[in-house]
Structures are given as structure tokens and as C-alpha cells.
Protein backbone atom coordinates (compact mmCIF):
# COMPACT_ATOMS: atom_id res chain seq x y z
CA MET A 1 -22.18 -96.94 10.69
CA LYS A 2 -19.95 -99.59 9.20
CA THR A 3 -17.17 -98.60 6.83
CA LYS A 4 -16.28 -100.83 3.93
CA THR A 5 -12.67 -101.96 3.77
CA ILE A 6 -11.25 -101.47 0.31
CA HIS A 7 -8.44 -103.77 -0.72
CA ASN A 8 -6.64 -102.14 -3.61
CA GLU A 9 -3.58 -103.48 -5.35
CA LEU A 10 -0.52 -101.33 -4.96
CA PRO A 11 0.11 -99.36 -8.14
CA ASP A 12 3.00 -100.44 -10.35
CA ILE A 13 3.87 -97.28 -12.25
CA ALA A 14 6.94 -98.81 -13.91
CA GLN A 15 4.79 -101.43 -15.62
CA ALA A 16 1.35 -99.84 -15.85
CA SER A 17 2.28 -96.50 -17.37
CA SER A 18 4.31 -95.62 -20.42
CA SER A 19 7.00 -93.03 -20.86
CA SER A 20 5.97 -89.70 -22.34
CA ILE A 21 9.35 -89.62 -24.13
CA GLN A 22 9.74 -92.90 -25.93
CA LYS A 23 13.44 -93.71 -26.17
CA ASP A 24 15.41 -96.79 -25.26
CA ILE A 25 18.08 -96.58 -22.54
CA ASP A 26 21.56 -98.07 -22.76
CA TYR A 27 21.76 -98.93 -19.08
CA VAL A 28 19.76 -98.19 -15.95
CA GLY A 29 20.23 -99.64 -12.49
CA MET A 30 21.82 -98.99 -9.11
CA THR A 31 25.28 -98.02 -7.89
CA GLN A 32 27.18 -98.42 -4.62
CA ILE A 33 25.15 -101.32 -3.26
CA ASN A 34 26.97 -102.75 -0.24
CA VAL A 35 26.99 -106.55 -0.03
CA PRO A 36 29.08 -109.29 1.58
CA ILE A 37 30.84 -111.54 -0.91
CA THR A 38 32.79 -114.77 -0.98
CA TYR A 39 35.18 -115.11 -3.90
CA GLY A 40 37.58 -117.66 -5.25
CA ASP A 41 41.29 -117.03 -5.70
CA ASN A 42 43.64 -119.81 -6.81
CA HIS A 43 41.18 -122.45 -5.59
CA LYS A 44 40.90 -120.76 -2.18
CA THR A 45 38.01 -118.65 -0.89
CA GLN A 46 38.07 -115.27 0.81
CA SER A 47 35.36 -112.99 2.15
CA ALA A 48 35.01 -109.24 1.77
CA VAL A 49 32.53 -106.38 1.82
CA ALA A 50 31.92 -105.15 -1.71
CA SER A 51 30.36 -102.16 -3.42
CA CYS A 52 28.32 -103.15 -6.48
CA ASN A 53 26.99 -101.32 -9.52
CA ILE A 54 24.41 -103.32 -11.48
CA PHE A 55 22.53 -102.35 -14.64
CA LEU A 56 20.10 -103.52 -17.31
CA ASN A 57 19.37 -102.01 -20.66
CA LEU A 58 15.81 -100.85 -21.36
CA LYS A 59 15.25 -101.81 -24.97
CA ASP A 60 11.49 -101.13 -25.06
CA PRO A 61 11.06 -97.36 -25.42
CA THR A 62 7.43 -97.50 -24.29
CA ILE A 63 8.26 -98.90 -20.83
CA LYS A 64 8.59 -96.25 -18.14
CA GLY A 65 11.22 -98.02 -16.04
CA ILE A 66 12.73 -101.23 -14.74
CA HIS A 67 11.97 -102.84 -11.37
CA MET A 68 14.97 -101.84 -9.26
CA SER A 69 13.91 -104.10 -6.38
CA ARG A 70 14.20 -107.17 -8.61
CA LEU A 71 17.84 -106.36 -9.32
CA TYR A 72 18.50 -105.71 -5.65
CA THR A 73 16.93 -108.92 -4.35
CA THR A 74 18.54 -110.99 -7.12
CA LEU A 75 21.95 -109.57 -6.22
CA ASN A 76 21.40 -110.13 -2.49
CA SER A 77 20.37 -113.75 -3.00
CA PHE A 78 23.40 -114.30 -5.22
CA CYS A 79 25.81 -112.88 -2.64
CA GLU A 80 24.30 -115.00 0.14
CA GLN A 81 24.41 -118.27 -1.81
CA GLU A 82 27.15 -118.12 -4.46
CA THR A 83 30.93 -117.86 -4.59
CA LEU A 84 31.98 -115.00 -6.82
CA SER A 85 33.64 -116.00 -10.10
CA PHE A 86 33.31 -114.96 -13.72
CA GLN A 87 31.14 -118.01 -14.33
CA SER A 88 28.78 -117.22 -11.43
CA LEU A 89 28.57 -113.57 -12.54
CA SER A 90 27.35 -114.79 -15.92
CA THR A 91 24.58 -116.74 -14.17
CA LEU A 92 23.67 -113.70 -12.05
CA LEU A 93 23.25 -111.49 -15.11
CA ASP A 94 21.12 -114.16 -16.81
CA ARG A 95 18.80 -114.05 -13.80
CA CYS A 96 18.61 -110.26 -13.91
CA ILE A 97 17.74 -110.28 -17.61
CA GLU A 98 15.14 -113.02 -17.05
CA SER A 99 13.52 -110.91 -14.31
CA HIS A 100 12.87 -108.25 -16.97
CA LYS A 101 12.03 -110.56 -19.84
CA GLY A 102 10.82 -108.74 -22.90
CA ILE A 103 12.14 -105.32 -21.96
CA SER A 104 15.85 -106.04 -21.32
CA ASP A 105 18.38 -108.29 -23.03
CA SER A 106 21.69 -106.93 -21.71
CA ALA A 107 23.17 -106.50 -18.25
CA LYS A 108 26.42 -105.54 -16.58
CA ILE A 109 27.87 -105.50 -13.09
CA GLN A 110 30.91 -103.99 -11.39
CA ILE A 111 32.01 -105.31 -8.01
CA SER A 112 34.68 -103.45 -6.04
CA PHE A 113 36.32 -104.74 -2.88
CA ASP A 114 39.63 -104.93 -1.02
CA HIS A 115 41.63 -108.12 -1.48
CA ILE A 116 43.86 -108.88 1.51
CA LYS A 117 47.16 -110.63 0.92
CA LYS A 118 49.80 -111.83 3.37
CA ASN A 119 53.27 -110.71 2.29
CA SER A 120 56.65 -111.81 3.60
CA SER A 121 59.28 -109.29 4.69
CA LEU A 122 62.33 -108.93 2.46
CA LYS A 123 64.89 -110.41 4.86
CA SER A 124 63.63 -110.95 8.40
CA GLU A 125 61.25 -113.82 7.66
CA LEU A 126 58.38 -111.87 9.21
CA SER A 127 55.12 -111.10 7.42
CA GLY A 128 52.16 -108.75 7.37
CA TYR A 129 48.94 -108.03 5.53
CA LYS A 130 48.33 -105.60 2.71
CA ILE A 131 45.12 -104.74 0.87
CA TYR A 132 44.68 -104.28 -2.86
CA PRO A 133 41.62 -102.53 -4.35
CA ILE A 134 39.95 -104.86 -6.86
CA THR A 135 37.16 -104.30 -9.40
CA LEU A 136 35.58 -107.17 -11.29
CA SER A 137 33.34 -106.25 -14.23
CA TYR A 138 31.13 -108.45 -16.36
CA GLU A 139 28.90 -107.39 -19.25
CA LYS A 140 26.52 -109.62 -21.17
CA THR A 141 24.62 -108.75 -24.35
CA PRO A 142 22.86 -110.91 -26.96
CA TYR A 143 26.04 -110.68 -29.04
CA SER A 144 28.96 -110.83 -26.62
CA THR A 145 30.30 -111.19 -23.11
CA HIS A 146 33.11 -109.09 -21.65
CA ALA A 147 34.93 -109.72 -18.36
CA THR A 148 37.61 -107.53 -16.78
CA LEU A 149 39.81 -107.62 -13.71
CA ALA A 150 41.24 -104.33 -12.43
CA TYR A 151 43.49 -103.84 -9.43
CA THR A 152 45.79 -101.26 -7.88
CA LEU A 153 49.14 -101.88 -6.23
CA THR A 154 51.45 -99.51 -4.38
CA TYR A 155 55.21 -99.31 -4.84
CA SER A 156 58.15 -97.00 -4.26
CA SER A 157 59.74 -95.04 -7.11
CA THR A 158 63.12 -93.32 -6.85
CA CYS A 159 63.86 -90.61 -9.42
CA PRO A 160 66.79 -91.50 -11.75
CA CYS A 161 67.58 -87.82 -12.35
CA SER A 162 67.64 -87.05 -8.63
CA ALA A 163 69.84 -90.11 -8.05
CA ALA A 164 72.36 -88.89 -10.65
CA LEU A 165 72.43 -85.39 -9.13
CA SER A 166 72.91 -86.87 -5.67
CA ARG A 167 75.86 -88.95 -6.85
CA GLN A 168 77.39 -85.83 -8.40
CA ALA A 169 76.94 -83.87 -5.17
CA ILE A 170 78.65 -86.66 -3.20
CA GLN A 171 81.54 -86.71 -5.70
CA GLU A 172 81.94 -82.95 -5.28
CA LYS A 173 81.91 -83.33 -1.50
CA PHE A 174 84.59 -86.04 -1.78
CA GLN A 175 86.79 -83.78 -3.92
CA GLU A 176 86.33 -81.00 -1.39
CA ASP A 177 87.31 -83.20 1.56
CA PHE A 178 90.16 -85.00 -0.23
CA THR A 179 92.31 -82.62 -2.25
CA ALA A 180 94.67 -83.79 -4.97
CA SER A 181 97.59 -83.60 -2.55
CA SER A 182 95.82 -85.62 0.16
CA GLU A 183 96.99 -89.07 1.07
CA PHE A 184 94.20 -91.47 1.96
CA SER A 185 93.64 -95.19 2.20
CA LYS A 186 90.76 -97.51 1.50
CA ASP A 187 89.89 -97.40 5.20
CA ASP A 188 89.79 -93.59 5.04
CA ILE A 189 87.30 -93.76 2.17
CA VAL A 190 85.13 -96.35 3.93
CA SER A 191 85.13 -94.20 7.06
CA TRP A 192 84.26 -91.10 5.03
CA LEU A 193 81.35 -92.85 3.32
CA GLY A 194 79.94 -93.81 6.72
CA LYS A 195 79.64 -90.20 7.90
CA GLU A 196 76.25 -88.50 7.63
CA GLU A 197 77.82 -85.25 6.44
CA SER A 198 79.63 -87.05 3.61
CA ILE A 199 76.42 -88.29 1.98
CA CYS A 200 75.33 -84.72 1.39
CA ALA A 201 72.48 -85.49 -1.00
CA THR A 202 69.89 -88.23 -1.37
CA PRO A 203 67.52 -88.81 -4.29
CA HIS A 204 63.84 -88.13 -3.84
CA SER A 205 61.48 -91.06 -3.89
CA GLN A 206 57.77 -91.39 -3.36
CA ARG A 207 54.92 -93.78 -2.85
CA SER A 208 53.44 -94.60 -6.24
CA ASN A 209 50.64 -96.72 -7.57
CA ALA A 210 49.76 -98.67 -10.68
CA THR A 211 46.24 -99.56 -11.79
CA LEU A 212 46.07 -102.46 -14.22
CA THR A 213 42.92 -103.50 -16.08
CA PHE A 214 42.81 -106.78 -17.99
CA SER A 215 40.14 -108.09 -20.34
CA VAL A 216 40.09 -111.77 -19.49
CA ASN A 217 38.53 -114.90 -20.91
CA PRO A 218 35.06 -115.11 -19.27
CA SER A 219 35.57 -118.84 -18.72
CA SER A 220 38.91 -118.40 -16.94
CA GLN A 221 39.48 -118.97 -13.24
CA LEU A 222 39.83 -116.01 -10.92
CA THR A 223 43.54 -115.70 -9.99
CA ILE A 224 43.82 -112.31 -8.31
CA THR A 225 46.94 -113.13 -6.31
CA ASP A 226 48.82 -114.32 -9.41
CA PHE A 227 48.14 -111.02 -11.19
CA ILE A 228 49.25 -108.99 -8.17
CA THR A 229 52.41 -111.04 -7.59
CA GLY A 230 53.42 -110.82 -11.25
CA ALA A 231 53.18 -107.03 -11.29
CA GLU A 232 55.00 -106.62 -7.97
CA GLU A 233 57.84 -108.89 -9.05
CA THR A 234 58.14 -106.83 -12.23
CA LEU A 235 58.51 -103.54 -10.36
CA GLN A 236 60.63 -104.97 -7.49
CA THR A 237 59.84 -102.11 -5.07
CA SER A 238 56.38 -102.87 -3.68
CA VAL A 239 55.67 -101.20 -0.35
CA GLN A 240 56.27 -103.42 2.66
CA THR A 241 54.30 -104.53 5.72
CA THR A 242 56.38 -105.66 8.72
CA VAL A 243 59.81 -104.02 8.50
CA LYS A 244 62.93 -104.51 10.64
CA ARG A 245 66.20 -102.69 9.95
CA ILE A 246 67.51 -105.58 7.84
CA ASP A 247 64.35 -105.30 5.69
CA GLU A 248 64.65 -101.54 5.36
CA LYS A 249 68.26 -101.87 4.21
CA GLU A 250 67.21 -104.40 1.56
CA PHE A 251 64.38 -102.08 0.49
CA ALA A 252 66.89 -99.25 0.04
CA ILE A 253 69.09 -101.54 -2.07
CA LYS A 254 66.12 -102.54 -4.24
CA ASN A 255 65.16 -98.91 -4.78
CA ALA A 256 68.72 -98.04 -5.82
CA ALA A 257 68.73 -100.97 -8.27
CA ASN A 258 65.33 -100.03 -9.71
CA LEU A 259 65.37 -96.29 -10.32
CA MET A 260 62.19 -95.39 -12.18
CA PHE A 261 60.55 -92.51 -13.94
CA CYS A 262 56.83 -93.12 -14.46
CA GLU A 263 57.75 -93.98 -18.07
CA ASP A 264 60.07 -96.74 -16.85
CA ALA A 265 57.43 -98.20 -14.55
CA VAL A 266 54.67 -98.31 -17.15
CA ARG A 267 57.02 -99.86 -19.74
CA ARG A 268 58.06 -102.60 -17.33
CA LEU A 269 54.45 -103.46 -16.62
CA ASP A 270 53.57 -103.24 -20.31
CA LYS A 271 56.27 -105.76 -21.23
CA TRP A 272 55.10 -108.11 -18.46
CA ALA A 273 51.44 -107.82 -19.50
CA GLU A 274 52.33 -108.82 -23.06
CA SER A 275 53.44 -112.21 -21.76
CA ILE A 276 50.17 -113.05 -19.96
CA ASN A 277 47.93 -115.68 -21.52
CA ASN A 278 44.11 -115.55 -21.52
CA ILE A 279 43.85 -111.76 -21.81
CA SER A 280 42.71 -110.00 -24.96
CA GLU A 281 43.54 -106.40 -24.07
CA TYR A 282 44.79 -104.35 -21.16
CA SER A 283 45.40 -100.85 -19.90
CA ILE A 284 47.90 -99.64 -17.32
CA GLU A 285 48.12 -96.32 -15.51
CA VAL A 286 50.90 -95.38 -13.11
CA ASN A 287 51.00 -92.35 -10.84
CA HIS A 288 54.10 -91.16 -9.03
CA TYR A 289 53.11 -88.81 -6.19
CA GLU A 290 56.16 -86.61 -6.52
CA SER A 291 57.86 -85.40 -3.35
CA LEU A 292 59.73 -82.81 -5.44
CA HIS A 293 56.58 -81.31 -7.01
CA PRO A 294 53.04 -80.48 -5.85
CA HIS A 295 51.71 -82.50 -8.79
CA ASN A 296 51.89 -86.11 -9.96
CA ALA A 297 53.80 -87.77 -12.78
CA THR A 298 51.47 -90.06 -14.76
CA ALA A 299 51.89 -92.52 -17.62
CA LYS A 300 49.32 -94.69 -19.41
CA VAL A 301 49.30 -97.45 -22.01
CA SER A 302 46.50 -99.45 -23.64
CA ARG A 303 47.01 -102.50 -25.84
CA LYS A 304 45.00 -105.05 -27.76
CA LYS A 305 46.80 -108.37 -27.98
CA LEU A 306 47.00 -110.08 -31.35
């Protein structure tokens, strides 16, 4: 007995059926898609592995769902063929919207990756590599486009209060070792300062980080390194890569010259951000991972530029 082969089309539930609850959806899509990217930075290109979140709106309340695979394949093709920039992200979102013509008219994407930057040592003329977490976001609607660059940098913060208390403790130790009737010379003082037991207190410091988010002109060039360098030069105490003793001494000097509460750090960055062209608004968050306390010290600012 022969059996008849039945060739049926695969069902497309997203398109063929309607939702029992008819409401539009602000955004629907996929998160944490891993893709390789090539991106521009100051007219140079770098490669990285990125994690992407990509979404469309669902404006037709009768449609059950979007076609996730269309977003996925469109994103994959983009990452294989295009260099990442704000301009190319705009084109990518246009393609995603076109793939869902009639049911979607808005899209957004967030791409997170580690930017690697070669940094010079403070004094020894050596260098090393440091990574900076980056997130690029782009949103496109029928009425507007919005592009943001966010990044995190790590720096050292030395507590001004602890520094003052340490100086006081050293003064008290000096008065204890050199009474009013003592005779001592400059050489005696220099020798005393060089003894470990003389410097009886040191201020606490800690690794800290700042996350800066800038709303940028969607037509602007991607200049990640410029943004990072500007913030690090503002704080003056960015963590180092290759360090010899001469570098560590210079780092200690920089920390002493740049004592910072979290309030000081966020205000420095705020003042610097005000001077940047081609950004419309920004937010800054700093976290000092206190060595004195089991909790963090945090400060935040958000501004819209006139």
C-alpha cells in the first residue's frame, strides 16, 4: 500500500493568529545576543565581542507577535558586513522596521562591549592595556532619534577626611618624639620622616569607578577614546597598567594632590561634561568602594544642556 506524502507549509502563528488580548506593545525583542563587531574610534577600527539587546514596537494590537528570527538574522548580517557607528546603527534599525512593515514603526538597540586602550605608565615610559565597558544605544521612532554613549572608568580615590586625620596623627607623633626642649636640625627631621614608625597613619583610599552616559548627536563620529581620556585627565588618578616603583611613587603623589570624596569626583566630571560639544544631556554616577566601610559612597548628577 502506497502512502501519500503530504507537503504542508509550516505554521506561522505570529502572523496567522491574532492575540486574544488586543493591546499594543512598547517594545519586544531579544536581549543578550552575542555577536562579533567592528567599530570605529577616531578614524581607526577595533574588533570586540558584544552583547546586544534589540527591540521593535508592536503597534498593531491584533498581531500576536513579531518575527524574532528576522531581527536576529538582520543583526547578524549587519555585524558581519558593517562597521559599527551611529550612522550604521540608524541603517540597521531601518532594516528591522522594514522587516516588520505595517506592524512596527520604532526600534532600538543597545550594544555592550569592552573597549581596549593602551595606556602609558606615569614615569617609566612603559605601557599596558586596560579595558573599559562601553554601551552604545540608538532608538528610532517616527518622530525622533536618540543616540547615547555610556562608559565606565576606574580610578583611585583617597579620603580627604582620612588624610587630614593622618596628618594630625603624624604631627602628634612628631611632638611626642621631639619635645619642646629638644634640639634638632633639618637633617634630623628628614631622617625622622623617612622612618616607618614616624608615619604612624596613612589615609584610606580605594578603587572607584565612574559611569558616564552622554546623549550625543546621532550624526556625530564615534570617539570613544576621546571621551575616556577627557574623564581620566579630569580625575587625575586613573588606575594604572604596567607599574615600576617610579610610577607607583608618582601615583602616590597624584593621589595626595587629588583627595576626593565622591562629591568631589562627580563635581569634577560634571564641570568637564559641561564643556563638551555635541551632547544634549548627560548623567554621571560615581561609586567609591570604601575600604573604611562595608558599603559604598555614591554620587549622581543628571543635566540637560541649554
